[in-house]
Amino acid sequence: MDNTQMSFDWNRGRAFLATAEHGSLSAAARALGLTQPTLSRQVAGLEQDLGVLLFDRVGKTLQLTDAGRDMLDHFKRMGAAAERISLAASGRSTSVEGHVSISASDVTAALLLPETLALLRHTAPGITVEVVASNALSDLRRREADIAIRHVRPTQHDLTAKLLFQTRAHCYAAQSYAEEYGLPRSIADFARARMIGYGEPAQMLPQIAALKLPLNTANFVHWSESGVVGWEMVRHGLGMGLMSETLGTRTTGVAPVLPDLVPEIIFPTWLVAHRELHSNPRIRLVFDFLADHLPR
């Protein structure tokens, strides 16, 4: 390797890569945790280092130049290599003290995970835990989290996953809903039901098609992208809604609706980590603890 040809700072290369991927300096700055002026200086510095113009400024947007497009693939490979180096270094750590981040849906993060973390603090008091509450899948390869709790099995070969359990979900209603609106006595009665959606109704219907209930978008009187908010609306009697049996049985004042007639939904819970990180004793300890203690 001719080190005399290494004529730029990788931080500047990372700034270019993020800007190209996000399409604007402001979005790239947020992704990297930098200010926009700092990121702009890094991109300009890289252009000066390489002696080429990487972006054309078109109004408030940035467009890659021909030279920028030529460079992008090279920087993507460098970025992937840098991620692998970071993961390998993390995986070789031998300390059982330090930081571990866990991503989970907002329902799991808010309503189920805290009791497990309360137990973990007695087993491993030197570990600090960050909970990333998101209904989007965290990219473990980009270190958005160390461990993920998911309901879908990962397909990437460099991720390792453990199936923890299969969970049933039912349609639940609060006692206050039953008193005000009455509960369905048959499947046909669901045509007049007031439902709570987790996301827009048009997106919700295909997800619950397996229930074969006579529902349409008009049945969904309230909805939220947040599962926690949606479940609170169910709990307060604003409508009926789906929830895992794990949480439904833990919530007072709600009960499954026609459980013998409405088909149950079965979905898995997976614990996922990057293979390199899974060899890290600190992360392995948390991974195994979650596997043993997450509420079924």
Protein backbone atom coordinates (compact mmCIF):
# COMPACT_ATOMS: atom_id res chain seq x y z
CA MET A 1 0.00 0.00 0.00
CA ASP A 2 1.32 3.44 -0.95
CA ASN A 3 0.48 5.55 2.10
CA THR A 4 1.60 8.70 0.29
CA GLN A 5 -1.61 8.45 -1.76
CA MET A 6 -3.86 8.55 1.34
CA SER A 7 -4.62 12.24 0.94
CA PHE A 8 -7.93 12.75 2.74
CA ASP A 9 -9.49 12.46 6.19
CA TRP A 10 -12.03 9.60 6.53
CA ASN A 11 -14.30 11.89 8.57
CA ARG A 12 -14.63 13.95 5.43
CA GLY A 13 -15.31 10.80 3.42
CA ARG A 14 -18.01 9.81 5.92
CA ALA A 15 -19.57 13.27 5.56
CA PHE A 16 -19.66 12.87 1.77
CA LEU A 17 -21.20 9.40 2.02
CA ALA A 18 -23.90 10.51 4.44
CA THR A 19 -24.75 13.55 2.31
CA ALA A 20 -25.02 11.42 -0.84
CA GLU A 21 -27.22 8.88 0.93
CA HIS A 22 -29.53 11.41 2.62
CA GLY A 23 -29.70 13.93 -0.22
CA SER A 24 -29.14 17.06 1.84
CA LEU A 25 -26.64 18.54 4.28
CA SER A 26 -29.26 19.00 6.98
CA ALA A 27 -30.44 15.38 6.89
CA ALA A 28 -26.86 14.07 6.79
CA ALA A 29 -25.86 16.30 9.70
CA ARG A 30 -28.73 14.92 11.81
CA ALA A 31 -27.73 11.34 10.93
CA LEU A 32 -24.12 11.94 11.98
CA GLY A 33 -24.91 14.09 15.00
CA LEU A 34 -23.09 17.11 13.54
CA THR A 35 -24.08 20.68 12.82
CA GLN A 36 -24.83 21.53 9.21
CA PRO A 37 -21.96 24.06 8.92
CA THR A 38 -19.49 21.46 10.24
CA LEU A 39 -20.71 18.88 7.73
CA SER A 40 -20.59 21.40 4.91
CA ARG A 41 -16.97 22.23 5.77
CA GLN A 42 -16.06 18.54 5.77
CA VAL A 43 -17.58 17.97 2.34
CA ALA A 44 -15.88 21.08 0.98
CA GLY A 45 -12.61 19.92 2.52
CA LEU A 46 -12.91 16.54 0.80
CA GLU A 47 -13.57 18.24 -2.53
CA GLN A 48 -10.41 20.29 -1.97
CA ASP A 49 -8.41 17.19 -0.95
CA LEU A 50 -9.48 15.26 -4.04
CA GLY A 51 -9.46 18.20 -6.40
CA VAL A 52 -12.93 17.45 -7.77
CA LEU A 53 -16.43 18.86 -7.37
CA LEU A 54 -18.64 16.21 -5.78
CA PHE A 55 -21.98 18.02 -5.62
CA ASP A 56 -23.85 20.59 -7.66
CA ARG A 57 -25.91 22.95 -5.50
CA VAL A 58 -29.38 23.20 -7.09
CA GLY A 59 -31.47 25.49 -4.93
CA LYS A 60 -31.67 23.87 -1.51
CA THR A 61 -30.84 20.41 -2.82
CA LEU A 62 -27.59 18.71 -3.73
CA GLN A 63 -27.02 16.59 -6.81
CA LEU A 64 -24.02 14.37 -7.35
CA THR A 65 -21.71 15.41 -10.15
CA ASP A 66 -20.29 12.81 -12.54
CA ALA A 67 -17.16 12.75 -10.37
CA GLY A 68 -19.30 12.36 -7.25
CA ARG A 69 -21.11 9.38 -8.74
CA ASP A 70 -17.77 7.82 -9.68
CA MET A 71 -16.50 8.29 -6.12
CA LEU A 72 -19.67 7.11 -4.37
CA ASP A 73 -19.15 3.36 -4.88
CA HIS A 74 -15.60 3.60 -3.57
CA PHE A 75 -16.74 5.46 -0.45
CA LYS A 76 -19.57 2.98 0.11
CA ARG A 77 -17.01 0.16 0.20
CA MET A 78 -14.86 2.19 2.59
CA GLY A 79 -17.89 2.85 4.81
CA ALA A 80 -18.76 -0.86 4.90
CA ALA A 81 -15.14 -1.69 5.80
CA ALA A 82 -15.16 0.91 8.58
CA GLU A 83 -18.37 -0.61 9.98
CA ARG A 84 -16.81 -4.08 9.96
CA ILE A 85 -13.73 -2.77 11.78
CA SER A 86 -15.95 -1.13 14.42
CA LEU A 87 -18.01 -4.27 14.86
CA ALA A 88 -14.93 -6.47 15.09
CA ALA A 89 -13.39 -4.20 17.73
CA SER A 90 -16.63 -4.18 19.74
CA GLY A 91 -16.89 -7.93 19.47
CA ARG A 92 -13.43 -8.39 21.00
CA SER A 93 -14.24 -6.31 24.07
CA THR A 94 -13.95 -8.36 27.26
CA SER A 95 -15.56 -5.93 29.71
CA VAL A 96 -18.95 -6.76 31.22
CA GLU A 97 -19.40 -3.12 32.15
CA GLY A 98 -20.45 -0.38 29.81
CA HIS A 99 -23.17 0.59 27.36
CA VAL A 100 -25.64 -1.68 25.53
CA SER A 101 -28.44 -0.42 23.28
CA ILE A 102 -31.65 -2.37 22.70
CA SER A 103 -34.20 -1.55 20.01
CA ALA A 104 -37.82 -2.67 20.34
CA SER A 105 -41.30 -1.60 19.32
CA ASP A 106 -42.75 1.14 21.46
CA VAL A 107 -45.18 -1.32 23.08
CA THR A 108 -42.42 -3.72 24.09
CA ALA A 109 -40.08 -0.88 25.07
CA ALA A 110 -42.61 0.91 27.25
CA LEU A 111 -44.79 -1.84 28.67
CA LEU A 112 -42.76 -5.05 28.81
CA LEU A 113 -39.02 -4.32 28.71
CA PRO A 114 -38.69 -2.20 31.89
CA GLU A 115 -39.48 -5.07 34.27
CA THR A 116 -36.72 -7.15 32.65
CA LEU A 117 -34.26 -4.26 32.92
CA ALA A 118 -35.15 -3.93 36.60
CA LEU A 119 -33.97 -7.51 37.08
CA LEU A 120 -30.88 -6.96 34.93
CA ARG A 121 -29.58 -4.11 37.09
CA HIS A 122 -29.14 -6.55 40.00
CA THR A 123 -27.33 -9.11 37.82
CA ALA A 124 -25.10 -6.64 35.99
CA PRO A 125 -25.06 -3.25 37.77
CA GLY A 126 -22.14 -2.06 35.67
CA ILE A 127 -24.12 -2.18 32.42
CA THR A 128 -26.02 0.88 31.26
CA VAL A 129 -28.86 0.27 28.81
CA GLU A 130 -30.21 2.58 26.13
CA VAL A 131 -33.67 1.63 24.85
CA VAL A 132 -34.39 2.66 21.26
CA ALA A 133 -38.20 2.66 21.03
CA SER A 134 -39.09 2.45 17.36
CA ASN A 135 -41.56 0.52 15.25
CA ALA A 136 -39.06 0.58 12.38
CA LEU A 137 -36.39 -2.11 12.17
CA SER A 138 -33.07 -0.81 13.50
CA ASP A 139 -30.07 -1.45 11.26
CA LEU A 140 -27.79 -3.47 13.51
CA ARG A 141 -25.05 -3.50 10.90
CA ARG A 142 -24.89 0.28 11.10
CA ARG A 143 -24.80 0.15 14.91
CA GLU A 144 -28.24 1.74 15.35
CA ALA A 145 -28.57 -0.76 18.20
CA ASP A 146 -26.62 -3.66 19.68
CA ILE A 147 -29.63 -5.93 20.21
CA ALA A 148 -33.09 -5.88 18.64
CA ILE A 149 -36.37 -7.42 19.73
CA ARG A 150 -38.37 -8.08 16.57
CA HIS A 151 -41.43 -9.91 15.33
CA VAL A 152 -39.79 -10.83 12.00
CA ARG A 153 -36.81 -13.08 11.45
CA PRO A 154 -33.78 -11.28 9.98
CA THR A 155 -32.57 -12.40 6.57
CA GLN A 156 -29.07 -10.89 6.65
CA HIS A 157 -26.38 -13.56 6.97
CA ASP A 158 -24.29 -11.49 9.39
CA LEU A 159 -27.08 -11.27 11.98
CA THR A 160 -27.77 -13.96 14.53
CA ALA A 161 -31.28 -14.52 15.83
CA LYS A 162 -32.98 -16.57 18.53
CA LEU A 163 -36.68 -17.35 18.46
CA LEU A 164 -37.88 -16.64 21.98
CA PHE A 165 -41.54 -17.59 21.76
CA GLN A 166 -44.70 -17.39 19.71
CA THR A 167 -47.37 -15.02 20.95
CA ARG A 168 -51.13 -15.02 20.38
CA ALA A 169 -52.97 -11.78 19.67
CA HIS A 170 -56.69 -11.18 20.19
CA CYS A 171 -59.18 -8.41 19.66
CA TYR A 172 -59.69 -6.70 23.02
CA ALA A 173 -62.31 -4.31 24.38
CA ALA A 174 -62.51 -2.37 27.63
CA GLN A 175 -65.41 -2.70 30.02
CA SER A 176 -66.24 0.95 29.42
CA TYR A 177 -66.55 0.25 25.67
CA ALA A 178 -68.87 -2.67 26.36
CA GLU A 179 -71.07 -0.47 28.57
CA GLU A 180 -71.34 2.34 26.05
CA TYR A 181 -71.44 0.54 22.71
CA GLY A 182 -72.08 -3.10 23.51
CA LEU A 183 -69.91 -6.01 22.42
CA PRO A 184 -70.32 -8.02 19.22
CA ARG A 185 -72.36 -11.19 19.72
CA SER A 186 -71.38 -12.62 16.34
CA ILE A 187 -68.78 -12.09 13.64
CA ALA A 188 -71.38 -10.15 11.62
CA ASP A 189 -71.69 -7.61 14.46
CA PHE A 190 -68.12 -6.44 13.80
CA ALA A 191 -69.50 -4.52 10.81
CA ARG A 192 -70.75 -1.94 13.34
CA ALA A 193 -67.70 -2.08 15.63
CA ARG A 194 -65.57 0.91 16.54
CA MET A 195 -61.94 -0.08 16.04
CA ILE A 196 -58.56 1.37 17.00
CA GLY A 197 -55.86 1.17 14.35
CA TYR A 198 -52.09 1.02 14.66
CA GLY A 199 -51.32 3.09 11.59
CA GLU A 200 -53.64 4.35 8.86
CA PRO A 201 -56.77 2.20 8.40
CA ALA A 202 -55.99 1.45 4.75
CA GLN A 203 -52.68 -0.06 5.87
CA MET A 204 -54.24 -1.83 8.84
CA LEU A 205 -56.85 -3.82 6.91
CA PRO A 206 -54.42 -6.06 4.96
CA GLN A 207 -52.61 -6.86 8.23
CA ILE A 208 -55.77 -8.19 9.87
CA ALA A 209 -57.27 -9.85 6.79
CA ALA A 210 -56.59 -13.28 8.34
CA LEU A 211 -59.23 -12.54 10.99
CA LYS A 212 -61.92 -12.50 8.26
CA LEU A 213 -63.91 -9.82 10.05
CA PRO A 214 -66.39 -7.59 8.17
CA LEU A 215 -64.33 -4.43 8.69
CA ASN A 216 -63.56 -1.50 6.43
CA THR A 217 -61.79 1.82 6.90
CA ALA A 218 -64.95 3.41 8.33
CA ASN A 219 -64.74 1.10 11.37
CA PHE A 220 -61.43 2.65 12.46
CA VAL A 221 -62.54 5.69 14.42
CA HIS A 222 -59.12 6.40 15.94
CA TRP A 223 -55.61 5.35 15.06
CA SER A 224 -51.98 6.08 15.84
CA GLU A 225 -48.59 4.98 14.56
CA SER A 226 -47.72 4.41 18.21
CA GLY A 227 -48.77 1.07 19.64
CA VAL A 228 -48.66 2.53 23.16
CA VAL A 229 -51.07 5.31 22.20
CA GLY A 230 -53.35 2.89 20.36
CA TRP A 231 -53.50 0.52 23.33
CA GLU A 232 -54.27 3.39 25.70
CA MET A 233 -57.21 4.32 23.46
CA VAL A 234 -58.44 0.72 23.68
CA ARG A 235 -57.95 0.75 27.45
CA HIS A 236 -60.03 3.95 27.74
CA GLY A 237 -62.91 2.49 25.74
CA LEU A 238 -62.54 4.50 22.56
CA GLY A 239 -62.67 1.36 20.46
CA MET A 240 -61.66 -2.28 20.22
CA GLY A 241 -58.16 -3.21 19.15
CA LEU A 242 -55.67 -6.01 18.63
CA MET A 243 -53.00 -6.74 21.19
CA SER A 244 -50.74 -9.60 22.19
CA GLU A 245 -52.05 -11.93 24.85
CA THR A 246 -48.90 -11.14 26.83
CA LEU A 247 -49.97 -7.54 27.32
CA GLY A 248 -53.72 -8.12 27.17
CA THR A 249 -53.68 -10.44 30.18
CA ARG A 250 -51.60 -7.90 32.11
CA THR A 251 -54.01 -5.01 31.50
CA THR A 252 -56.92 -4.63 33.91
CA GLY A 253 -60.33 -3.68 32.58
CA VAL A 254 -59.97 -5.27 29.13
CA ALA A 255 -60.97 -8.69 27.82
CA PRO A 256 -60.78 -10.55 24.50
CA VAL A 257 -63.85 -10.23 22.28
CA LEU A 258 -65.44 -13.50 21.09
CA PRO A 259 -62.16 -15.41 21.56
CA ASP A 260 -63.81 -18.67 20.50
CA LEU A 261 -65.07 -17.21 17.22
CA VAL A 262 -62.46 -14.63 16.15
CA PRO A 263 -59.33 -16.38 14.82
CA GLU A 264 -56.24 -15.63 16.88
CA ILE A 265 -53.13 -14.21 15.27
CA ILE A 266 -49.85 -15.95 16.01
CA PHE A 267 -46.64 -13.96 15.70
CA PRO A 268 -43.06 -14.70 16.78
CA THR A 269 -40.66 -12.74 18.95
CA TRP A 270 -37.02 -12.83 17.84
CA LEU A 271 -33.93 -11.63 19.66
CA VAL A 272 -31.35 -10.38 17.16
CA ALA A 273 -27.73 -9.23 17.32
CA HIS A 274 -24.83 -8.85 14.93
CA ARG A 275 -22.60 -11.93 14.90
CA GLU A 276 -19.53 -9.90 15.88
CA LEU A 277 -21.36 -8.15 18.69
CA HIS A 278 -22.82 -11.42 19.91
CA SER A 279 -19.29 -12.51 20.85
CA ASN A 280 -18.94 -9.43 23.09
CA PRO A 281 -19.33 -10.65 26.73
CA ARG A 282 -21.27 -7.53 27.75
CA ILE A 283 -23.75 -7.81 24.89
CA ARG A 284 -23.89 -11.59 25.18
CA LEU A 285 -24.83 -11.25 28.86
CA VAL A 286 -27.71 -8.87 28.03
CA PHE A 287 -28.78 -10.98 25.05
CA ASP A 288 -28.99 -14.14 27.17
CA PHE A 289 -30.69 -12.30 30.03
CA LEU A 290 -33.39 -10.98 27.71
CA ALA A 291 -33.87 -14.46 26.29
CA ASP A 292 -34.45 -15.86 29.79
CA HIS A 293 -36.51 -13.07 31.34
CA LEU A 294 -38.60 -11.25 28.71
CA PRO A 295 -42.29 -11.68 29.60
CA ARG A 296 -43.90 -14.46 27.60
